[in-house]
Amino acid sequence: MLYPFIRALRGKDISINRNRPAKLEGIRFAPGPDGQPDGSVEFSGRPSSYIRLPNTRPTKDSITLLIWIFSKGTQGPIFHFTTGKSRQIFNPGMILQLSLSRPNIVANFLRRRGRRASLRANLKGKIRPRRWYFIGLSYNKNNGIARLYVNNRVVARKTIGSFNLATNFPVRMGAVKGNRRWFRGRVSCLQLYKVPLTTGQIAARARRCFSK
């Protein structure tokens, strides 16, 4: 999965899988992390401002999520597998969520059967609103280790156990039904892999969507 989220491509996936286009609602295009105009999408911080991604090839084992984030200081769901039911009770990270809120990053995982596991990083003084950050999240089912990255550096590491991830649902970004926290800020270059990438592999993909 590779969604650059630039105006020229709008919601197209340009990975070899060519997943269905993302549904963009209530967003506008804004400058991206490489300084190019219309190189990102910006959420308004309202429930009507979100992106919906189809789920055509779910991975229940290992995973790596990479994304550029420019927060305007509000907490909200960045990447959230959700059932989409109108009556669902919001549970932070019901499936898998990456949220940015000053000064913390929180990633939650949910087993297909059982309770969720959380990974948190306190980044007071290290991460600030209105700046671009390259965020990475990985989970290795073989050893049960989850890692959080900021600008290619590991900021949190935790053994959460070996289990199947509940990733068999569509994804919502920016706003999720039942959650009164809505992300206000920009995102760019969403990448999703079915393997736990190494630090070097993650660093090599940081500029994958940048203009040449």
N, C-alpha and C. Protein backbone atom coordinates (compact mmCIF):
# COMPACT_ATOMS: atom_id res chain seq x y z
N MET A 1 0.84 -1.18 0.00
CA MET A 1 0.00 0.00 0.00
C MET A 1 0.88 1.24 0.00
N LEU A 2 0.65 2.16 -0.94
CA LEU A 2 1.41 3.40 -1.02
C LEU A 2 0.50 4.51 -1.55
N TYR A 3 0.06 5.34 -0.64
CA TYR A 3 -0.81 6.47 -0.99
C TYR A 3 -0.03 7.77 -0.76
N PRO A 4 0.46 8.43 -1.82
CA PRO A 4 1.21 9.68 -1.64
C PRO A 4 0.35 10.81 -1.07
N PHE A 5 -0.95 10.83 -1.37
CA PHE A 5 -1.86 11.88 -0.94
C PHE A 5 -1.42 13.25 -1.45
N ILE A 6 -1.10 13.32 -2.75
CA ILE A 6 -0.80 14.60 -3.40
C ILE A 6 -1.94 14.91 -4.38
N ARG A 7 -2.08 16.18 -4.72
CA ARG A 7 -3.21 16.58 -5.56
C ARG A 7 -3.21 15.86 -6.91
N ALA A 8 -2.03 15.68 -7.49
CA ALA A 8 -1.94 15.07 -8.81
C ALA A 8 -2.50 13.65 -8.83
N LEU A 9 -2.40 12.94 -7.71
CA LEU A 9 -2.86 11.56 -7.63
C LEU A 9 -4.11 11.41 -6.78
N ARG A 10 -4.42 12.46 -6.02
CA ARG A 10 -5.55 12.44 -5.09
C ARG A 10 -5.47 11.19 -4.21
N GLY A 11 -6.42 10.27 -4.30
CA GLY A 11 -6.42 9.12 -3.40
C GLY A 11 -5.93 7.83 -4.02
N LYS A 12 -5.10 7.90 -5.04
CA LYS A 12 -4.65 6.69 -5.73
C LYS A 12 -3.55 5.97 -4.95
N ASP A 13 -3.60 4.65 -5.03
CA ASP A 13 -2.54 3.79 -4.50
C ASP A 13 -1.60 3.49 -5.66
N ILE A 14 -0.31 3.83 -5.49
CA ILE A 14 0.65 3.62 -6.59
C ILE A 14 1.58 2.44 -6.31
N SER A 15 1.24 1.62 -5.32
CA SER A 15 2.03 0.43 -5.07
C SER A 15 1.75 -0.61 -6.15
N ILE A 16 2.51 -1.70 -6.16
CA ILE A 16 2.31 -2.74 -7.16
C ILE A 16 0.97 -3.43 -6.98
N ASN A 17 0.38 -3.31 -5.79
CA ASN A 17 -0.92 -3.95 -5.55
C ASN A 17 -2.08 -3.19 -6.19
N ARG A 18 -1.89 -1.87 -6.38
CA ARG A 18 -2.92 -1.03 -6.98
C ARG A 18 -4.27 -1.23 -6.28
N ASN A 19 -4.29 -0.97 -4.99
CA ASN A 19 -5.54 -1.05 -4.24
C ASN A 19 -6.51 0.03 -4.72
N ARG A 20 -7.76 -0.11 -4.37
CA ARG A 20 -8.77 0.85 -4.79
C ARG A 20 -8.44 2.24 -4.23
N PRO A 21 -8.86 3.30 -4.91
CA PRO A 21 -8.56 4.65 -4.43
C PRO A 21 -9.18 4.92 -3.06
N ALA A 22 -8.53 5.81 -2.33
CA ALA A 22 -9.05 6.23 -1.04
C ALA A 22 -10.19 7.22 -1.25
N LYS A 23 -11.10 7.25 -0.31
CA LYS A 23 -12.20 8.20 -0.34
C LYS A 23 -11.81 9.40 0.51
N LEU A 24 -11.70 10.58 -0.11
CA LEU A 24 -11.29 11.79 0.58
C LEU A 24 -12.51 12.65 0.86
N GLU A 25 -12.76 12.93 2.12
CA GLU A 25 -13.93 13.71 2.51
C GLU A 25 -13.53 14.88 3.40
N GLY A 26 -13.96 16.08 3.03
CA GLY A 26 -13.74 17.26 3.87
C GLY A 26 -12.29 17.61 4.09
N ILE A 27 -11.44 17.35 3.10
CA ILE A 27 -10.01 17.66 3.24
C ILE A 27 -9.63 18.70 2.20
N ARG A 28 -8.46 19.28 2.38
CA ARG A 28 -7.89 20.15 1.35
C ARG A 28 -6.43 19.75 1.16
N PHE A 29 -5.88 20.11 0.02
CA PHE A 29 -4.48 19.82 -0.24
C PHE A 29 -3.62 20.97 0.27
N ALA A 30 -2.44 20.62 0.81
CA ALA A 30 -1.56 21.59 1.43
C ALA A 30 -0.11 21.22 1.12
N PRO A 31 0.85 22.11 1.44
CA PRO A 31 2.26 21.79 1.21
C PRO A 31 2.69 20.52 1.94
N GLY A 32 3.55 19.75 1.29
CA GLY A 32 3.99 18.48 1.86
C GLY A 32 5.31 18.58 2.60
N PRO A 33 5.82 17.47 3.10
CA PRO A 33 7.08 17.46 3.86
C PRO A 33 8.30 17.83 3.02
N ASP A 34 8.19 17.73 1.69
CA ASP A 34 9.29 18.11 0.82
C ASP A 34 9.15 19.55 0.33
N GLY A 35 8.15 20.27 0.88
CA GLY A 35 7.97 21.67 0.53
C GLY A 35 7.18 21.91 -0.73
N GLN A 36 6.75 20.85 -1.39
CA GLN A 36 6.02 21.00 -2.64
C GLN A 36 4.56 21.38 -2.36
N PRO A 37 4.00 22.33 -3.13
CA PRO A 37 2.59 22.68 -2.96
C PRO A 37 1.71 21.46 -3.24
N ASP A 38 0.63 21.35 -2.51
CA ASP A 38 -0.33 20.26 -2.72
C ASP A 38 0.32 18.89 -2.54
N GLY A 39 1.31 18.79 -1.65
CA GLY A 39 2.00 17.54 -1.40
C GLY A 39 1.50 16.77 -0.20
N SER A 40 0.34 17.18 0.32
CA SER A 40 -0.25 16.48 1.47
C SER A 40 -1.74 16.78 1.51
N VAL A 41 -2.44 16.05 2.36
CA VAL A 41 -3.85 16.35 2.62
C VAL A 41 -3.97 16.88 4.04
N GLU A 42 -4.87 17.83 4.23
CA GLU A 42 -5.05 18.44 5.55
C GLU A 42 -6.46 18.20 6.06
N PHE A 43 -6.53 17.69 7.30
CA PHE A 43 -7.81 17.48 7.97
C PHE A 43 -8.18 18.75 8.74
N SER A 44 -9.46 19.07 8.77
CA SER A 44 -9.91 20.29 9.43
C SER A 44 -10.11 20.14 10.92
N GLY A 45 -10.09 18.90 11.43
CA GLY A 45 -10.35 18.68 12.85
C GLY A 45 -11.83 18.59 13.16
N ARG A 46 -12.61 18.18 12.16
CA ARG A 46 -14.05 17.99 12.32
C ARG A 46 -14.41 16.55 11.97
N PRO A 47 -15.56 16.06 12.46
CA PRO A 47 -15.93 14.67 12.16
C PRO A 47 -16.19 14.41 10.69
N SER A 48 -16.46 15.46 9.92
CA SER A 48 -16.72 15.31 8.48
C SER A 48 -15.45 15.34 7.65
N SER A 49 -14.30 15.49 8.30
CA SER A 49 -13.02 15.55 7.59
C SER A 49 -12.24 14.27 7.86
N TYR A 50 -12.18 13.40 6.86
CA TYR A 50 -11.54 12.11 7.06
C TYR A 50 -11.15 11.48 5.72
N ILE A 51 -10.39 10.40 5.80
CA ILE A 51 -10.05 9.58 4.64
C ILE A 51 -10.47 8.15 4.95
N ARG A 52 -11.08 7.49 3.99
CA ARG A 52 -11.47 6.09 4.16
C ARG A 52 -10.71 5.26 3.13
N LEU A 53 -10.03 4.23 3.62
CA LEU A 53 -9.26 3.36 2.75
C LEU A 53 -9.91 1.98 2.69
N PRO A 54 -9.96 1.38 1.51
CA PRO A 54 -10.50 0.02 1.41
C PRO A 54 -9.54 -0.98 2.04
N ASN A 55 -10.03 -2.11 2.39
CA ASN A 55 -9.18 -3.17 2.94
C ASN A 55 -9.34 -4.39 2.03
N THR A 56 -8.39 -4.55 1.12
CA THR A 56 -8.50 -5.64 0.15
C THR A 56 -7.49 -6.75 0.39
N ARG A 57 -6.41 -6.42 1.05
CA ARG A 57 -5.37 -7.44 1.31
C ARG A 57 -4.87 -7.31 2.75
N PRO A 58 -5.68 -7.70 3.71
CA PRO A 58 -5.28 -7.53 5.11
C PRO A 58 -4.12 -8.43 5.49
N THR A 59 -3.32 -7.97 6.42
CA THR A 59 -2.24 -8.77 6.97
C THR A 59 -2.52 -8.99 8.44
N LYS A 60 -2.51 -10.23 8.88
CA LYS A 60 -2.80 -10.53 10.28
C LYS A 60 -1.53 -10.84 11.05
N ASP A 61 -0.41 -10.85 10.34
CA ASP A 61 0.86 -11.19 10.99
C ASP A 61 1.68 -9.93 11.21
N SER A 62 2.90 -9.91 10.75
CA SER A 62 3.78 -8.76 10.93
C SER A 62 3.33 -7.59 10.06
N ILE A 63 3.74 -6.37 10.48
CA ILE A 63 3.27 -5.18 9.77
C ILE A 63 4.24 -4.03 10.02
N THR A 64 4.34 -3.11 9.04
CA THR A 64 5.05 -1.85 9.21
C THR A 64 4.20 -0.75 8.59
N LEU A 65 3.97 0.30 9.36
CA LEU A 65 3.21 1.46 8.91
C LEU A 65 4.13 2.67 8.93
N LEU A 66 4.20 3.40 7.81
CA LEU A 66 5.02 4.60 7.70
C LEU A 66 4.16 5.76 7.21
N ILE A 67 4.36 6.95 7.77
CA ILE A 67 3.56 8.09 7.36
C ILE A 67 4.22 9.39 7.83
N TRP A 68 4.11 10.43 7.01
CA TRP A 68 4.54 11.77 7.40
C TRP A 68 3.36 12.49 8.06
N ILE A 69 3.61 13.14 9.21
CA ILE A 69 2.54 13.79 9.97
C ILE A 69 2.94 15.22 10.34
N PHE A 70 2.00 16.14 10.16
CA PHE A 70 2.15 17.54 10.53
C PHE A 70 0.94 17.88 11.39
N SER A 71 1.13 17.85 12.70
CA SER A 71 0.01 18.06 13.63
C SER A 71 -0.16 19.54 13.96
N LYS A 72 -1.39 19.95 14.14
CA LYS A 72 -1.67 21.31 14.60
C LYS A 72 -2.08 21.31 16.06
N GLY A 73 -1.65 20.28 16.79
CA GLY A 73 -1.80 20.27 18.23
C GLY A 73 -2.99 19.52 18.78
N THR A 74 -3.80 18.93 17.93
CA THR A 74 -4.97 18.20 18.43
C THR A 74 -4.76 16.70 18.30
N GLN A 75 -5.32 15.97 19.23
CA GLN A 75 -5.22 14.52 19.21
C GLN A 75 -6.34 13.93 18.37
N GLY A 76 -6.03 12.85 17.69
CA GLY A 76 -7.05 12.18 16.90
C GLY A 76 -6.48 10.98 16.19
N PRO A 77 -7.33 10.15 15.61
CA PRO A 77 -6.87 8.92 14.94
C PRO A 77 -6.16 9.23 13.63
N ILE A 78 -4.95 8.74 13.51
CA ILE A 78 -4.19 8.90 12.28
C ILE A 78 -4.46 7.73 11.34
N PHE A 79 -4.45 6.54 11.87
CA PHE A 79 -4.66 5.33 11.06
C PHE A 79 -5.39 4.33 11.94
N HIS A 80 -6.61 3.98 11.55
CA HIS A 80 -7.46 3.21 12.46
C HIS A 80 -8.29 2.20 11.67
N PHE A 81 -8.01 0.91 11.88
CA PHE A 81 -8.87 -0.12 11.31
C PHE A 81 -10.19 -0.10 12.08
N THR A 82 -11.30 0.01 11.39
CA THR A 82 -12.58 0.16 12.06
C THR A 82 -13.68 -0.61 11.35
N THR A 83 -14.63 -1.12 12.12
CA THR A 83 -15.77 -1.83 11.54
C THR A 83 -16.70 -0.88 10.82
N GLY A 84 -16.68 0.40 11.21
CA GLY A 84 -17.53 1.37 10.56
C GLY A 84 -18.98 1.34 11.00
N LYS A 85 -19.30 0.53 12.01
CA LYS A 85 -20.68 0.46 12.48
C LYS A 85 -21.05 1.75 13.19
N SER A 86 -22.23 2.27 12.88
CA SER A 86 -22.63 3.55 13.43
C SER A 86 -22.81 3.51 14.94
N ARG A 87 -23.04 2.32 15.50
CA ARG A 87 -23.28 2.23 16.93
C ARG A 87 -22.08 1.69 17.70
N GLN A 88 -20.95 1.60 17.01
CA GLN A 88 -19.78 1.05 17.69
C GLN A 88 -19.35 1.99 18.82
N ILE A 89 -18.87 1.42 19.90
CA ILE A 89 -18.33 2.20 21.00
C ILE A 89 -16.85 2.37 20.74
N PHE A 90 -16.39 3.61 20.73
CA PHE A 90 -15.00 3.86 20.40
C PHE A 90 -14.07 3.34 21.48
N ASN A 91 -13.12 2.59 21.06
CA ASN A 91 -12.09 2.06 21.93
C ASN A 91 -10.77 2.46 21.30
N PRO A 92 -9.99 3.36 21.94
CA PRO A 92 -8.76 3.83 21.30
C PRO A 92 -7.93 2.69 20.76
N GLY A 93 -7.71 2.71 19.46
CA GLY A 93 -6.96 1.63 18.84
C GLY A 93 -7.79 0.37 18.75
N MET A 94 -9.10 0.52 18.43
CA MET A 94 -9.97 -0.65 18.38
C MET A 94 -9.33 -1.77 17.58
N ILE A 95 -8.65 -1.41 16.51
CA ILE A 95 -7.93 -2.43 15.74
C ILE A 95 -6.45 -2.08 15.75
N LEU A 96 -6.07 -1.04 15.07
CA LEU A 96 -4.70 -0.55 15.11
C LEU A 96 -4.75 0.95 14.89
N GLN A 97 -4.14 1.71 15.76
CA GLN A 97 -4.21 3.16 15.65
C GLN A 97 -2.86 3.79 15.91
N LEU A 98 -2.56 4.81 15.15
CA LEU A 98 -1.41 5.64 15.43
C LEU A 98 -1.94 7.05 15.63
N SER A 99 -1.78 7.60 16.81
CA SER A 99 -2.26 8.94 17.10
C SER A 99 -1.13 9.82 17.57
N LEU A 100 -1.19 11.07 17.20
CA LEU A 100 -0.18 12.03 17.62
C LEU A 100 -0.85 13.10 18.47
N SER A 101 -0.43 13.23 19.69
CA SER A 101 -0.94 14.27 20.56
C SER A 101 0.21 14.78 21.40
N ARG A 102 0.36 16.05 21.46
CA ARG A 102 1.49 16.64 22.18
C ARG A 102 1.47 16.24 23.64
N PRO A 103 2.57 15.70 24.16
CA PRO A 103 3.81 15.37 23.44
C PRO A 103 3.98 13.87 23.25
N ASN A 104 2.90 13.13 23.08
CA ASN A 104 2.99 11.68 23.05
C ASN A 104 2.59 11.10 21.70
N ILE A 105 3.08 9.91 21.43
CA ILE A 105 2.60 9.11 20.32
C ILE A 105 2.08 7.81 20.92
N VAL A 106 0.91 7.40 20.49
CA VAL A 106 0.29 6.20 21.02
C VAL A 106 -0.06 5.27 19.87
N ALA A 107 0.33 4.02 19.98
CA ALA A 107 -0.05 3.01 19.00
C ALA A 107 -0.70 1.86 19.75
N ASN A 108 -1.85 1.44 19.27
CA ASN A 108 -2.59 0.34 19.90
C ASN A 108 -2.82 -0.78 18.91
N PHE A 109 -2.74 -2.00 19.40
CA PHE A 109 -2.95 -3.19 18.57
C PHE A 109 -4.09 -4.00 19.19
N LEU A 110 -4.88 -4.60 18.36
CA LEU A 110 -5.93 -5.48 18.87
C LEU A 110 -5.77 -6.86 18.25
N ARG A 111 -5.79 -7.86 19.12
CA ARG A 111 -5.76 -9.24 18.64
C ARG A 111 -7.09 -9.58 17.97
N ARG A 112 -7.05 -10.48 17.03
CA ARG A 112 -8.32 -10.91 16.41
C ARG A 112 -9.19 -11.62 17.43
N ARG A 113 -8.54 -12.15 18.44
CA ARG A 113 -9.27 -12.74 19.57
C ARG A 113 -8.55 -12.34 20.85
N GLY A 114 -9.18 -11.50 21.63
CA GLY A 114 -8.56 -11.12 22.89
C GLY A 114 -8.42 -9.63 23.07
N ARG A 115 -7.63 -9.24 24.07
CA ARG A 115 -7.47 -7.85 24.42
C ARG A 115 -6.47 -7.14 23.52
N ARG A 116 -6.42 -5.83 23.67
CA ARG A 116 -5.48 -5.04 22.88
C ARG A 116 -4.18 -4.86 23.64
N ALA A 117 -3.15 -4.47 22.92
CA ALA A 117 -1.85 -4.16 23.50
C ALA A 117 -1.47 -2.75 23.06
N SER A 118 -0.85 -1.99 23.95
CA SER A 118 -0.52 -0.60 23.65
C SER A 118 0.98 -0.35 23.71
N LEU A 119 1.41 0.63 22.93
CA LEU A 119 2.80 1.06 22.92
C LEU A 119 2.78 2.58 22.93
N ARG A 120 3.43 3.18 23.92
CA ARG A 120 3.41 4.63 24.07
C ARG A 120 4.81 5.19 24.16
N ALA A 121 4.97 6.40 23.64
CA ALA A 121 6.25 7.09 23.73
C ALA A 121 6.01 8.51 24.22
N ASN A 122 6.64 8.88 25.34
CA ASN A 122 6.56 10.24 25.86
C ASN A 122 7.68 11.05 25.22
N LEU A 123 7.31 12.00 24.38
CA LEU A 123 8.30 12.74 23.60
C LEU A 123 8.28 14.22 23.95
N LYS A 124 8.08 14.53 25.21
CA LYS A 124 8.04 15.93 25.64
C LYS A 124 9.36 16.61 25.29
N GLY A 125 9.24 17.73 24.58
CA GLY A 125 10.42 18.47 24.17
C GLY A 125 11.07 17.96 22.91
N LYS A 126 10.60 16.82 22.38
CA LYS A 126 11.20 16.23 21.19
C LYS A 126 10.30 16.31 19.97
N ILE A 127 9.02 16.52 20.19
CA ILE A 127 8.09 16.59 19.07
C ILE A 127 7.11 17.73 19.32
N ARG A 128 6.90 18.55 18.31
CA ARG A 128 6.11 19.76 18.48
C ARG A 128 5.09 19.90 17.35
N PRO A 129 4.01 20.64 17.61
CA PRO A 129 3.03 20.89 16.55
C PRO A 129 3.62 21.74 15.43
N ARG A 130 2.98 21.65 14.27
CA ARG A 130 3.32 22.45 13.09
C ARG A 130 4.73 22.18 12.58
N ARG A 131 5.16 20.93 12.73
CA ARG A 131 6.41 20.49 12.14
C ARG A 131 6.19 19.10 11.55
N TRP A 132 6.89 18.81 10.48
CA TRP A 132 6.76 17.51 9.84
C TRP A 132 7.61 16.48 10.57
N TYR A 133 7.02 15.28 10.77
CA TYR A 133 7.74 14.16 11.37
C TYR A 133 7.43 12.90 10.57
N PHE A 134 8.45 12.09 10.40
CA PHE A 134 8.28 10.81 9.72
C PHE A 134 8.08 9.75 10.80
N ILE A 135 6.88 9.22 10.87
CA ILE A 135 6.48 8.29 11.92
C ILE A 135 6.45 6.87 11.38
N GLY A 136 6.99 5.93 12.14
CA GLY A 136 6.96 4.53 11.77
C GLY A 136 6.45 3.66 12.90
N LEU A 137 5.75 2.62 12.56
CA LEU A 137 5.23 1.66 13.53
C LEU A 137 5.42 0.27 12.95
N SER A 138 6.04 -0.63 13.72
CA SER A 138 6.25 -1.99 13.22
C SER A 138 5.90 -3.01 14.30
N TYR A 139 5.49 -4.18 13.82
CA TYR A 139 5.20 -5.29 14.73
C TYR A 139 5.73 -6.57 14.09
N ASN A 140 6.51 -7.31 14.86
CA ASN A 140 7.10 -8.56 14.39
C ASN A 140 6.43 -9.71 15.14
N LYS A 141 5.61 -10.47 14.43
CA LYS A 141 4.88 -11.57 15.08
C LYS A 141 5.83 -12.67 15.56
N ASN A 142 6.95 -12.83 14.89
CA ASN A 142 7.87 -13.92 15.26
C ASN A 142 8.43 -13.76 16.66
N ASN A 143 8.75 -12.52 17.04
CA ASN A 143 9.28 -12.30 18.39
C ASN A 143 8.35 -11.48 19.28
N GLY A 144 7.22 -11.03 18.73
CA GLY A 144 6.24 -10.30 19.52
C GLY A 144 6.63 -8.89 19.87
N ILE A 145 7.60 -8.30 19.14
CA ILE A 145 8.10 -6.97 19.48
C ILE A 145 7.47 -5.89 18.59
N ALA A 146 7.01 -4.82 19.22
CA ALA A 146 6.48 -3.66 18.52
C ALA A 146 7.45 -2.49 18.71
N ARG A 147 7.60 -1.67 17.69
CA ARG A 147 8.50 -0.52 17.76
C ARG A 147 7.83 0.72 17.18
N LEU A 148 8.15 1.87 17.78
CA LEU A 148 7.73 3.17 17.27
C LEU A 148 8.96 3.95 16.84
N TYR A 149 8.86 4.60 15.68
CA TYR A 149 9.98 5.37 15.15
C TYR A 149 9.55 6.82 14.94
N VAL A 150 10.46 7.75 15.18
CA VAL A 150 10.27 9.14 14.81
C VAL A 150 11.53 9.60 14.10
N ASN A 151 11.35 10.02 12.85
CA ASN A 151 12.49 10.46 12.04
C ASN A 151 13.60 9.41 12.03
N ASN A 152 13.20 8.16 11.80
CA ASN A 152 14.10 7.03 11.62
C ASN A 152 14.81 6.58 12.90
N ARG A 153 14.35 7.03 14.04
CA ARG A 153 14.93 6.59 15.31
C ARG A 153 13.88 5.88 16.16
N VAL A 154 14.29 4.80 16.81
CA VAL A 154 13.37 4.07 17.69
C VAL A 154 13.16 4.89 18.96
N VAL A 155 11.89 5.23 19.24
CA VAL A 155 11.57 6.00 20.44
C VAL A 155 10.84 5.15 21.48
N ALA A 156 10.37 3.97 21.07
CA ALA A 156 9.71 3.06 22.01
C ALA A 156 9.80 1.64 21.46
N ARG A 157 10.01 0.70 22.38
CA ARG A 157 10.10 -0.71 22.01
C ARG A 157 9.46 -1.52 23.13
N LYS A 158 8.61 -2.50 22.74
CA LYS A 158 7.91 -3.28 23.76
C LYS A 158 7.57 -4.66 23.22
N THR A 159 7.73 -5.67 24.07
CA THR A 159 7.29 -7.02 23.71
C THR A 159 5.83 -7.16 24.08
N ILE A 160 4.98 -7.26 23.08
CA ILE A 160 3.54 -7.33 23.33
C ILE A 160 2.98 -8.73 23.09
N GLY A 161 3.82 -9.66 22.66
CA GLY A 161 3.38 -11.04 22.44
C GLY A 161 3.11 -11.34 20.99
N SER A 162 3.00 -12.63 20.70
CA SER A 162 2.76 -13.08 19.33
C SER A 162 1.28 -13.42 19.14
N PHE A 163 0.63 -12.71 18.21
CA PHE A 163 -0.80 -12.95 17.98
C PHE A 163 -1.17 -12.45 16.59
N ASN A 164 -2.38 -12.78 16.16
CA ASN A 164 -2.89 -12.32 14.87
C ASN A 164 -3.53 -10.95 15.05
N LEU A 165 -3.15 -9.99 14.20
CA LEU A 165 -3.70 -8.65 14.27
C LEU A 165 -5.10 -8.59 13.65
N ALA A 166 -5.96 -7.81 14.26
CA ALA A 166 -7.32 -7.63 13.72
C ALA A 166 -7.29 -6.49 12.70
N THR A 167 -6.76 -6.79 11.54
CA THR A 167 -6.61 -5.78 10.48
C THR A 167 -7.57 -6.02 9.32
N ASN A 168 -8.56 -6.84 9.53
CA ASN A 168 -9.46 -7.23 8.44
C ASN A 168 -10.67 -6.31 8.33
N PHE A 169 -10.41 -5.00 8.38
CA PHE A 169 -11.46 -4.00 8.26
C PHE A 169 -10.95 -2.83 7.43
N PRO A 170 -11.84 -2.00 6.90
CA PRO A 170 -11.40 -0.77 6.23
C PRO A 170 -10.71 0.15 7.23
N VAL A 171 -10.03 1.17 6.71
CA VAL A 171 -9.28 2.10 7.54
C VAL A 171 -9.92 3.48 7.49
N ARG A 172 -9.94 4.15 8.64
CA ARG A 172 -10.35 5.55 8.69
C ARG A 172 -9.17 6.37 9.20
N MET A 173 -8.99 7.54 8.62
CA MET A 173 -7.93 8.46 9.03
C MET A 173 -8.55 9.81 9.33
N GLY A 174 -8.13 10.43 10.42
CA GLY A 174 -8.61 11.77 10.75
C GLY A 174 -9.80 11.81 11.66
N ALA A 175 -10.77 10.98 11.40
CA ALA A 175 -11.99 10.94 12.23
C ALA A 175 -12.61 9.55 12.16
N VAL A 176 -13.05 9.07 13.32
CA VAL A 176 -13.66 7.75 13.43
C VAL A 176 -14.99 7.89 14.14
N LYS A 177 -16.01 7.18 13.69
CA LYS A 177 -17.30 7.25 14.34
C LYS A 177 -17.21 6.81 15.80
N GLY A 178 -17.83 7.58 16.66
CA GLY A 178 -17.81 7.25 18.07
C GLY A 178 -16.67 7.87 18.84
N ASN A 179 -15.72 8.49 18.14
CA ASN A 179 -14.58 9.14 18.79
C ASN A 179 -14.73 10.65 18.64
N ARG A 180 -14.77 11.36 19.74
CA ARG A 180 -14.96 12.80 19.70
C ARG A 180 -13.65 13.57 19.54
N ARG A 181 -12.57 12.87 19.33
CA ARG A 181 -11.30 13.51 19.04
C ARG A 181 -11.02 13.38 17.55
N TRP A 182 -10.85 14.51 16.89
CA TRP A 182 -10.66 14.53 15.45
C TRP A 182 -9.32 15.19 15.14
N PHE A 183 -8.55 14.52 14.30
CA PHE A 183 -7.21 15.02 14.02
C PHE A 183 -7.26 16.28 13.17
N ARG A 184 -6.47 17.26 13.56
CA ARG A 184 -6.32 18.51 12.80
C ARG A 184 -4.86 18.64 12.40
N GLY A 185 -4.62 18.55 11.13
CA GLY A 185 -3.25 18.61 10.63
C GLY A 185 -3.14 17.94 9.27
N ARG A 186 -1.92 17.65 8.86
CA ARG A 186 -1.67 17.11 7.53
C ARG A 186 -1.01 15.73 7.62
N VAL A 187 -1.23 14.94 6.58
CA VAL A 187 -0.54 13.66 6.44
C VAL A 187 -0.09 13.51 4.99
N SER A 188 0.95 12.73 4.80
CA SER A 188 1.47 12.52 3.46
C SER A 188 2.19 11.17 3.41
N CYS A 189 2.19 10.58 2.24
CA CYS A 189 2.98 9.38 1.93
C CYS A 189 2.73 8.23 2.91
N LEU A 190 1.52 7.72 2.90
CA LEU A 190 1.18 6.56 3.72
C LEU A 190 1.71 5.29 3.06
N GLN A 191 2.46 4.49 3.82
CA GLN A 191 3.00 3.23 3.33
C GLN A 191 2.67 2.12 4.32
N LEU A 192 2.27 0.97 3.80
CA LEU A 192 1.95 -0.17 4.65
C LEU A 192 2.60 -1.41 4.07
N TYR A 193 3.33 -2.16 4.91
CA TYR A 193 4.03 -3.35 4.48
C TYR A 193 3.64 -4.53 5.35
N LYS A 194 3.73 -5.73 4.79
CA LYS A 194 3.34 -6.94 5.51
C LYS A 194 4.51 -7.58 6.26
N VAL A 195 5.60 -6.86 6.38
CA VAL A 195 6.78 -7.37 7.08
C VAL A 195 7.28 -6.30 8.04
N PRO A 196 8.02 -6.69 9.09
CA PRO A 196 8.61 -5.70 10.00
C PRO A 196 9.92 -5.17 9.41
N LEU A 197 9.90 -3.99 8.85
CA LEU A 197 11.09 -3.43 8.24
C LEU A 197 12.13 -3.07 9.31
N THR A 198 13.40 -3.10 8.92
CA THR A 198 14.47 -2.71 9.81
C THR A 198 14.59 -1.18 9.83
N THR A 199 15.39 -0.67 10.75
CA THR A 199 15.60 0.78 10.83
C THR A 199 16.17 1.32 9.53
N GLY A 200 17.11 0.60 8.94
CA GLY A 200 17.71 1.03 7.68
C GLY A 200 16.70 1.02 6.54
N GLN A 201 15.85 0.02 6.50
CA GLN A 201 14.83 -0.06 5.45
C GLN A 201 13.80 1.05 5.59
N ILE A 202 13.47 1.39 6.83
CA ILE A 202 12.53 2.48 7.07
C ILE A 202 13.13 3.80 6.62
N ALA A 203 14.39 4.04 6.98
CA ALA A 203 15.06 5.28 6.58
C ALA A 203 15.12 5.42 5.07
N ALA A 204 15.31 4.31 4.37
CA ALA A 204 15.40 4.34 2.91
C ALA A 204 14.08 4.70 2.25
N ARG A 205 12.98 4.57 2.98
CA ARG A 205 11.66 4.84 2.42
C ARG A 205 11.10 6.20 2.85
N ALA A 206 11.86 6.96 3.62
CA ALA A 206 11.37 8.25 4.13
C ALA A 206 11.07 9.24 3.01
N ARG A 207 11.84 9.21 1.95
CA ARG A 207 11.69 10.19 0.86
C ARG A 207 11.03 9.56 -0.37
N ARG A 208 10.34 8.47 -0.18
CA ARG A 208 9.81 7.72 -1.32
C ARG A 208 8.80 8.52 -2.14
N CYS A 209 8.06 9.40 -1.51
CA CYS A 209 7.04 10.18 -2.23
C CYS A 209 7.51 11.58 -2.59
N PHE A 210 8.76 11.92 -2.27
CA PHE A 210 9.23 13.28 -2.52
C PHE A 210 9.41 13.52 -4.01
N SER A 211 9.18 14.77 -4.42
CA SER A 211 9.36 15.15 -5.82
C SER A 211 10.83 15.11 -6.18
N LYS A 212 11.12 14.66 -7.39
CA LYS A 212 12.50 14.58 -7.85
C LYS A 212 12.80 15.77 -8.76
